Structures are given as C-alpha cells and as structure tokens.
Amino acid sequence: MKRDTRSAYRARAAATERSIDQAKAEVKAAEEAEQAEWAAAHAERTKPVPFTREQLQAARAIRTAYGWHRVIRVNTTTVTVNGDFGDYRVPEKNILEARA
C-alpha cells in the first residue's frame, strides 16, 4: 500500500511541475512578444531619415536621440551642433529630424 501511495504522490508532484513549467513558458512567451512589439515601435520611432544637403544647410535645429540641438555648421558627413558642454559633431545617420 505504501508503494502505491508514493507513486501516486510522485505522479501528482510531476503533474504539478509540468503545469508550473507550462505556465512559466506561457508567461515568458507573452513577455517576449511584448518586448518585440516595443522594440519594433522604438525602431520605427527613432529610425533616421535621409536628409539632402540643402535641407541640412537650411536647418537651424536638428533632433538626435539626445534631443534638439542648434546647428552651427554643416560638414560633409557630419553636422556641428551647439551642445550643453561645448560644440560637437553629429553624424548625418544619427539625425532624426531637421527644422528650418
């Protein structure tokens, strides 16, 4: 009789473990789907827009991932901007928006 009780206990414990593992897998899949959705939205929101040389030269301000900056000079591949701690260059590929 004890042998049957032990095997029944083990069977219930194994079934409980399987249900817990299944629930963990479902939660993990939902979190990964939410993370992928957030990453896609972030990539769409922060993707760089190709600007022409005329648009950049006419721009008075540009927006990067760090915020808006006042344009000082447009170079061949970068734009020199006035930052909080002095002037620095921003590559054209990092410019998200330009305003004249």
Protein backbone atom coordinates (compact mmCIF):
# COMPACT_ATOMS: atom_id res chain seq x y z
CA MET A 1 0.00 0.00 0.00
CA LYS A 2 2.80 2.42 0.79
CA ARG A 3 4.32 1.80 -2.57
CA ASP A 4 1.08 2.84 -4.33
CA THR A 5 0.81 5.96 -2.18
CA ARG A 6 4.34 7.02 -3.01
CA SER A 7 3.84 6.55 -6.74
CA ALA A 8 0.54 8.48 -6.63
CA TYR A 9 2.28 11.29 -4.73
CA ARG A 10 5.11 11.33 -7.25
CA ALA A 11 2.65 11.36 -10.15
CA ARG A 12 0.77 14.34 -8.66
CA ALA A 13 4.04 16.15 -7.99
CA ALA A 14 5.20 15.54 -11.56
CA ALA A 15 1.86 16.80 -12.93
CA THR A 16 2.14 19.92 -10.79
CA GLU A 17 5.69 20.55 -12.02
CA ARG A 18 4.55 20.17 -15.63
CA SER A 19 1.71 22.65 -15.15
CA ILE A 20 4.08 25.14 -13.48
CA ASP A 21 6.60 24.77 -16.32
CA GLN A 22 3.83 25.27 -18.89
CA ALA A 23 2.63 28.43 -17.12
CA LYS A 24 6.19 29.77 -16.96
CA ALA A 25 6.63 29.12 -20.69
CA GLU A 26 3.37 30.97 -21.47
CA VAL A 27 4.40 33.97 -19.38
CA LYS A 28 7.85 34.04 -20.99
CA ALA A 29 6.34 33.89 -24.50
CA ALA A 30 3.98 36.77 -23.67
CA GLU A 31 6.86 38.86 -22.30
CA GLU A 32 8.99 38.17 -25.37
CA ALA A 33 6.11 39.15 -27.67
CA GLU A 34 5.61 42.39 -25.73
CA GLN A 35 9.35 43.12 -25.86
CA ALA A 36 9.45 42.51 -29.62
CA GLU A 37 6.47 44.82 -30.12
CA TRP A 38 8.11 47.54 -28.04
CA ALA A 39 11.41 47.14 -29.90
CA ALA A 40 9.66 47.44 -33.28
CA ALA A 41 7.83 50.59 -32.16
CA HIS A 42 11.06 52.09 -30.80
CA ALA A 43 12.94 51.30 -34.01
CA GLU A 44 10.18 52.92 -36.08
CA ARG A 45 10.13 55.99 -33.83
CA THR A 46 13.90 56.52 -33.86
CA LYS A 47 14.85 55.49 -37.38
CA PRO A 48 16.97 58.09 -39.14
CA VAL A 49 15.55 59.98 -42.08
CA PRO A 50 17.86 60.67 -45.04
CA PHE A 51 18.22 64.42 -45.48
CA THR A 52 19.55 66.24 -48.52
CA ARG A 53 22.45 68.63 -48.23
CA GLU A 54 20.10 71.60 -48.89
CA GLN A 55 17.74 70.54 -46.09
CA LEU A 56 20.61 70.32 -43.62
CA GLN A 57 22.11 73.63 -44.67
CA ALA A 58 18.74 75.34 -44.27
CA ALA A 59 18.14 73.73 -40.89
CA ARG A 60 18.50 75.80 -37.76
CA ALA A 61 17.94 72.87 -35.38
CA ILE A 62 18.25 69.10 -35.55
CA ARG A 63 16.94 66.34 -33.33
CA THR A 64 19.02 63.34 -32.29
CA ALA A 65 18.37 60.58 -29.79
CA TYR A 66 19.55 63.03 -27.10
CA GLY A 67 17.19 65.90 -28.01
CA TRP A 68 17.23 69.08 -30.04
CA HIS A 69 20.45 70.92 -30.90
CA ARG A 70 21.20 74.23 -32.60
CA VAL A 71 23.08 73.82 -35.89
CA ILE A 72 26.34 75.72 -36.18
CA ARG A 73 27.82 74.29 -39.37
CA VAL A 74 27.08 71.56 -41.91
CA ASN A 75 30.14 69.49 -42.81
CA THR A 76 30.45 66.81 -45.50
CA THR A 77 29.32 63.85 -43.36
CA THR A 78 28.53 65.48 -40.01
CA VAL A 79 26.71 68.46 -38.58
CA THR A 80 28.37 70.58 -35.92
CA VAL A 81 25.93 71.48 -33.17
CA ASN A 82 25.99 73.54 -30.01
CA GLY A 83 25.67 71.20 -27.04
CA ASP A 84 25.44 71.65 -23.31
CA PHE A 85 29.18 71.18 -22.83
CA GLY A 86 30.51 72.79 -25.99
CA ASP A 87 30.27 72.15 -29.70
CA TYR A 88 30.39 68.66 -31.11
CA ARG A 89 29.71 66.81 -34.35
CA VAL A 90 26.71 64.61 -35.07
CA PRO A 91 26.92 62.10 -37.95
CA GLU A 92 24.17 62.54 -40.54
CA LYS A 93 22.93 58.99 -39.91
CA ASN A 94 22.06 59.96 -36.30
CA ILE A 95 19.84 62.90 -37.26
CA LEU A 96 16.17 62.12 -36.70
CA GLU A 97 14.59 65.44 -37.63
CA ALA A 98 15.63 68.82 -39.01
CA ARG A 99 13.80 72.15 -38.71
CA ALA A 100 14.48 75.35 -40.56
